[in-house]
Amino acid sequence: MDRYAVTGHPIAHSKSPQIHTTFARQTAQDMSYEAILAPLDGFVATVQAFRAEGGRGMNVTVPFKLEAFALADRHTPRAKAAGAVNTLAFDAAGILGDNTDGAGLVRDLTVNLGCTLAGRRVLLLGAGGATRGVLLPLLTEHPALLTIANRTVSKAEELATLFAADAGDTRLSACGFESLAGQQFDVVINATASSLADEVPPLPPGLYADGALAYDMMYGRADTPFMAAARADGAARVADGLGMLVEQAAESFALWRGVQPDGAAVLADLRRQLGAT
């Protein structure tokens, strides 16, 4: 039986073992998947030990995505763009590093939520690792406009400059939150950690165009603070990031096993479980 795992610190809360075990059952794959706690100073040793024991691949979560990037011998284009790795695949050639976060976000938006990105006005809130990890896949969808907004404008501008060559026909720009006044967007994505602190980015009112979707990368049993604020400001639809979690896992699974699992079915199960807790 092929072995896979997720590692991070902490890791006990991870839903990845449940998700990948369900994927394996769906697709008749003979594999196991476990959660492994890595010491804060022992990520590389944890990965090397798992690989030496016959492990085929690992998912990597906080705070080790940068270390995983450094550990990989080679990287997929989306991992290079993200500057971080959340998926490792082990083979005879060494360690391949991938980043499936952006692909998971795009699939959740376009497939699960039926939200077209091509030709739309997209606002991405935040300029940290979460934003960098999803920029290339979002640009690949050819939105008309993609604006990165952040408290510290220079960080947003750095990302806009870094991805300028990948923008194609998309108008890629950067600004501070206050500069959003008077603008409207079709899709607003919160890539900040504000919801974890029960806070909302300081956004001006009137951001949401008719029919707009507000999407928070965080998730919970009920609306996040960002989602609640977006509803109050006129967003027609709101969604959290549980679908992104499932779909990035599906991308990892497809990389490892060569088959695309049904993320929607797993997402529905997780929704039911969250509603029951």
Protein backbone atom coordinates (compact mmCIF):
# COMPACT_ATOMS: atom_id res chain seq x y z
CA MET A 1 0.00 0.00 0.00
CA ASP A 2 1.41 3.39 -1.02
CA ARG A 3 1.81 5.83 1.86
CA TYR A 4 1.07 9.56 1.87
CA ALA A 5 0.82 12.10 4.66
CA VAL A 6 0.31 15.70 5.65
CA THR A 7 2.78 17.41 7.94
CA GLY A 8 2.66 20.69 9.80
CA HIS A 9 2.74 22.22 13.28
CA PRO A 10 0.05 21.97 14.58
CA ILE A 11 -1.53 19.16 12.58
CA ALA A 12 -4.18 17.39 14.72
CA HIS A 13 -6.93 19.64 13.29
CA SER A 14 -6.15 18.72 9.67
CA LYS A 15 -9.02 17.41 7.54
CA SER A 16 -6.58 16.10 4.92
CA PRO A 17 -6.57 12.45 6.12
CA GLN A 18 -10.36 12.31 5.88
CA ILE A 19 -10.38 14.02 2.49
CA HIS A 20 -7.68 11.85 0.90
CA THR A 21 -9.05 8.62 2.38
CA THR A 22 -12.38 9.44 0.75
CA PHE A 23 -10.66 10.26 -2.55
CA ALA A 24 -8.84 6.91 -2.42
CA ARG A 25 -12.13 5.06 -1.82
CA GLN A 26 -13.79 6.97 -4.70
CA THR A 27 -11.07 6.13 -7.18
CA ALA A 28 -10.16 2.62 -5.95
CA GLN A 29 -6.58 3.60 -5.10
CA ASP A 30 -4.60 1.31 -2.80
CA MET A 31 -3.05 3.90 -0.48
CA SER A 32 -2.96 5.20 3.07
CA TYR A 33 -2.82 8.80 4.30
CA GLU A 34 -1.86 10.03 7.76
CA ALA A 35 -1.12 13.22 9.67
CA ILE A 36 2.42 13.69 11.02
CA LEU A 37 3.38 16.41 13.50
CA ALA A 38 6.77 17.90 12.58
CA PRO A 39 8.82 19.69 15.24
CA LEU A 40 9.27 23.36 14.44
CA ASP A 41 12.98 22.72 13.95
CA GLY A 42 12.58 19.30 12.37
CA PHE A 43 10.63 19.63 9.13
CA VAL A 44 13.38 18.35 6.81
CA ALA A 45 14.13 15.40 9.08
CA THR A 46 10.43 14.52 9.23
CA VAL A 47 10.12 14.50 5.44
CA GLN A 48 13.33 12.54 4.95
CA ALA A 49 12.27 9.92 7.49
CA PHE A 50 8.86 9.47 5.87
CA ARG A 51 10.45 9.17 2.43
CA ALA A 52 13.03 6.66 3.69
CA GLU A 53 10.19 4.54 5.08
CA GLY A 54 8.69 4.31 1.60
CA GLY A 55 6.41 7.36 1.56
CA ARG A 56 5.36 8.48 -1.92
CA GLY A 57 4.30 12.05 -1.21
CA MET A 58 3.34 14.62 1.39
CA ASN A 59 1.14 17.64 1.80
CA VAL A 60 2.72 20.50 3.72
CA THR A 61 0.88 23.07 5.78
CA VAL A 62 1.88 25.96 8.03
CA PRO A 63 4.52 26.86 8.93
CA PHE A 64 6.63 24.78 6.56
CA LYS A 65 5.66 25.79 3.00
CA LEU A 66 8.81 27.86 2.47
CA GLU A 67 11.02 25.08 3.84
CA ALA A 68 9.26 22.65 1.52
CA PHE A 69 10.08 24.91 -1.43
CA ALA A 70 13.76 24.90 -0.44
CA LEU A 71 13.78 21.13 0.06
CA ALA A 72 12.38 20.27 -3.38
CA ASP A 73 14.87 19.41 -6.13
CA ARG A 74 12.55 20.74 -8.84
CA HIS A 75 9.33 22.75 -8.95
CA THR A 76 6.21 23.06 -11.06
CA PRO A 77 5.64 26.49 -12.67
CA ARG A 78 2.87 27.28 -10.20
CA ALA A 79 5.13 26.42 -7.27
CA LYS A 80 7.85 28.69 -8.67
CA ALA A 81 5.30 31.50 -9.02
CA ALA A 82 4.00 30.96 -5.48
CA GLY A 83 7.46 30.77 -3.95
CA ALA A 84 6.07 28.10 -1.62
CA VAL A 85 5.19 24.41 -1.78
CA ASN A 86 2.24 22.56 -0.26
CA THR A 87 2.69 19.26 -2.12
CA LEU A 88 5.77 17.03 -2.36
CA ALA A 89 6.06 14.03 -4.66
CA PHE A 90 8.92 11.55 -4.21
CA ASP A 91 10.37 9.57 -7.10
CA ALA A 92 13.67 8.20 -8.33
CA ALA A 93 14.65 11.64 -9.65
CA GLY A 94 14.26 13.29 -6.24
CA ILE A 95 11.59 15.56 -4.78
CA LEU A 96 9.08 17.51 -6.89
CA GLY A 97 7.51 20.54 -5.23
CA ASP A 98 4.07 21.76 -6.30
CA ASN A 99 1.59 24.36 -5.04
CA THR A 100 -2.05 23.41 -5.54
CA ASP A 101 -3.66 26.26 -3.56
CA GLY A 102 -4.38 28.50 -6.53
CA ALA A 103 -5.72 25.69 -8.68
CA GLY A 104 -7.95 24.66 -5.78
CA LEU A 105 -9.29 28.20 -5.43
CA VAL A 106 -9.98 28.55 -9.16
CA ARG A 107 -11.74 25.18 -9.35
CA ASP A 108 -13.90 26.02 -6.33
CA LEU A 109 -14.85 29.36 -7.86
CA THR A 110 -15.47 28.21 -11.43
CA VAL A 111 -16.79 24.67 -10.94
CA ASN A 112 -18.37 24.41 -7.48
CA LEU A 113 -19.66 27.99 -7.39
CA GLY A 114 -20.19 28.47 -11.14
CA CYS A 115 -18.40 31.82 -11.08
CA THR A 116 -16.84 32.86 -14.39
CA LEU A 117 -13.58 34.78 -13.96
CA ALA A 118 -12.83 35.58 -17.60
CA GLY A 119 -13.52 39.21 -18.35
CA ARG A 120 -14.53 39.99 -14.76
CA ARG A 121 -13.23 42.55 -12.28
CA VAL A 122 -11.45 40.72 -9.46
CA LEU A 123 -10.25 42.21 -6.17
CA LEU A 124 -7.71 40.27 -4.10
CA LEU A 125 -7.32 41.44 -0.50
CA GLY A 126 -3.90 40.97 1.11
CA ALA A 127 -0.35 40.69 -0.19
CA GLY A 128 1.08 37.80 1.79
CA GLY A 129 1.83 34.19 0.93
CA ALA A 130 -1.82 33.26 0.37
CA THR A 131 -2.15 35.96 -2.29
CA ARG A 132 1.11 35.09 -4.02
CA GLY A 133 0.09 31.43 -4.08
CA VAL A 134 -3.08 32.07 -6.07
CA LEU A 135 -2.09 34.91 -8.41
CA LEU A 136 -0.81 32.86 -11.35
CA PRO A 137 -3.84 30.53 -11.51
CA LEU A 138 -6.19 33.53 -11.24
CA LEU A 139 -4.40 35.36 -14.05
CA THR A 140 -4.60 32.23 -16.19
CA GLU A 141 -8.39 32.66 -16.10
CA HIS A 142 -8.04 36.02 -17.93
CA PRO A 143 -10.02 38.43 -15.75
CA ALA A 144 -10.36 41.90 -17.25
CA LEU A 145 -8.96 43.47 -14.09
CA LEU A 146 -7.16 42.05 -11.07
CA THR A 147 -6.46 44.50 -8.26
CA ILE A 148 -4.32 43.60 -5.25
CA ALA A 149 -5.21 45.72 -2.21
CA ASN A 150 -3.24 45.72 1.04
CA ARG A 151 -2.68 47.86 4.14
CA THR A 152 0.97 48.24 3.18
CA VAL A 153 0.72 49.39 -0.43
CA SER A 154 4.37 48.63 -1.24
CA LYS A 155 3.81 44.90 -0.63
CA ALA A 156 0.89 44.88 -3.05
CA GLU A 157 2.95 46.79 -5.60
CA GLU A 158 5.80 44.27 -5.27
CA LEU A 159 3.43 41.42 -6.18
CA ALA A 160 1.96 43.36 -9.10
CA THR A 161 5.46 43.95 -10.43
CA LEU A 162 6.48 40.32 -9.85
CA PHE A 163 3.51 38.98 -11.83
CA ALA A 164 3.35 41.69 -14.51
CA ALA A 165 4.83 39.37 -17.14
CA ASP A 166 2.11 36.78 -16.42
CA ALA A 167 -0.81 39.23 -16.63
CA GLY A 168 -1.37 38.92 -20.39
CA ASP A 169 -4.52 40.81 -21.28
CA THR A 170 -5.46 41.33 -17.62
CA ARG A 171 -5.00 44.81 -16.16
CA LEU A 172 -3.02 44.02 -12.99
CA SER A 173 -2.81 46.80 -10.41
CA ALA A 174 -2.09 47.41 -6.73
CA CYS A 175 -3.36 49.89 -4.14
CA GLY A 176 -4.19 50.49 -0.49
CA PHE A 177 -7.63 49.75 0.94
CA GLU A 178 -8.59 53.41 1.04
CA SER A 179 -7.92 53.78 -2.70
CA LEU A 180 -10.73 51.32 -3.46
CA ALA A 181 -13.35 53.99 -2.79
CA GLY A 182 -15.55 54.50 -5.84
CA GLN A 183 -14.54 51.21 -7.50
CA GLN A 184 -16.71 48.12 -7.95
CA PHE A 185 -15.79 44.48 -8.48
CA ASP A 186 -17.49 41.29 -9.60
CA VAL A 187 -15.41 38.97 -7.39
CA VAL A 188 -13.77 39.98 -4.09
CA ILE A 189 -11.42 37.42 -2.51
CA ASN A 190 -10.20 37.81 1.07
CA ALA A 191 -6.69 36.34 1.27
CA THR A 192 -5.91 38.06 4.58
CA ALA A 193 -6.07 36.28 7.93
CA SER A 194 -8.51 38.88 9.30
CA SER A 195 -11.30 36.37 9.89
CA LEU A 196 -9.07 34.34 12.21
CA ALA A 197 -8.87 37.41 14.44
CA ASP A 198 -12.62 38.05 14.09
CA GLU A 199 -11.85 41.19 12.12
CA VAL A 200 -12.64 42.60 8.66
CA PRO A 201 -10.28 44.48 6.31
CA PRO A 202 -11.02 48.25 6.38
CA LEU A 203 -12.85 48.42 3.07
CA PRO A 204 -14.85 51.39 1.77
CA PRO A 205 -18.57 50.79 1.14
CA GLY A 206 -20.03 50.08 -2.28
CA LEU A 207 -17.38 47.65 -3.54
CA TYR A 208 -19.77 45.02 -4.84
CA ALA A 209 -21.16 45.21 -8.37
CA ASP A 210 -24.54 43.70 -9.21
CA GLY A 211 -24.38 39.93 -8.75
CA ALA A 212 -20.94 40.08 -7.10
CA LEU A 213 -19.40 37.19 -5.17
CA ALA A 214 -17.45 37.71 -1.92
CA TYR A 215 -15.09 34.80 -1.15
CA ASP A 216 -13.16 34.25 2.09
CA MET A 217 -10.27 31.78 2.06
CA MET A 218 -11.05 31.04 5.73
CA TYR A 219 -13.99 28.81 6.66
CA GLY A 220 -16.12 27.86 9.64
CA ARG A 221 -19.56 26.63 10.68
CA ALA A 222 -21.15 30.00 9.87
CA ASP A 223 -20.37 33.17 7.92
CA THR A 224 -16.91 34.56 8.62
CA PRO A 225 -16.73 38.24 9.65
CA PHE A 226 -15.70 39.10 6.08
CA MET A 227 -18.66 37.24 4.61
CA ALA A 228 -21.09 38.92 7.01
CA ALA A 229 -19.67 42.36 6.19
CA ALA A 230 -19.87 41.61 2.46
CA ARG A 231 -23.55 40.64 2.74
CA ALA A 232 -24.24 43.90 4.56
CA ASP A 233 -22.45 45.85 1.83
CA GLY A 234 -24.49 44.33 -0.97
CA ALA A 235 -22.65 41.22 -2.14
CA ALA A 236 -25.16 39.00 -3.95
CA ARG A 237 -23.33 35.81 -2.94
CA VAL A 238 -20.79 34.87 -0.29
CA ALA A 239 -18.65 31.73 0.08
CA ASP A 240 -15.96 30.48 2.42
CA GLY A 241 -12.77 28.57 1.66
CA LEU A 242 -13.82 25.03 2.54
CA GLY A 243 -14.19 24.24 -1.15
CA MET A 244 -10.69 25.57 -1.80
CA LEU A 245 -9.36 23.22 0.90
CA VAL A 246 -11.01 20.23 -0.76
CA GLU A 247 -10.06 21.16 -4.30
CA GLN A 248 -6.39 21.87 -3.52
CA ALA A 249 -6.32 18.39 -1.97
CA ALA A 250 -7.88 16.98 -5.14
CA GLU A 251 -5.09 18.61 -7.18
CA SER A 252 -2.47 16.97 -4.95
CA PHE A 253 -4.21 13.62 -5.27
CA ALA A 254 -4.30 13.93 -9.07
CA LEU A 255 -0.58 14.74 -9.14
CA TRP A 256 0.25 11.67 -7.06
CA ARG A 257 -2.20 9.13 -8.49
CA GLY A 258 -2.94 10.36 -12.02
CA VAL A 259 -6.70 10.47 -11.47
CA GLN A 260 -8.93 13.45 -10.62
CA PRO A 261 -11.27 12.72 -7.68
CA ASP A 262 -14.73 14.22 -7.17
CA GLY A 263 -14.16 17.14 -4.82
CA ALA A 264 -17.81 18.21 -4.80
CA ALA A 265 -18.96 15.01 -3.07
CA VAL A 266 -16.34 15.36 -0.33
CA LEU A 267 -17.18 19.04 0.10
CA ALA A 268 -20.84 18.20 0.63
CA ASP A 269 -19.91 15.68 3.34
CA LEU A 270 -17.69 18.21 5.12
CA ARG A 271 -20.47 20.81 4.99
CA ARG A 272 -22.87 18.37 6.64
CA GLN A 273 -20.31 17.59 9.36
CA LEU A 274 -19.66 21.27 10.08
CA GLY A 275 -23.37 21.88 10.31
CA ALA A 276 -23.75 19.06 12.80
CA THR A 277 -21.02 20.26 15.19
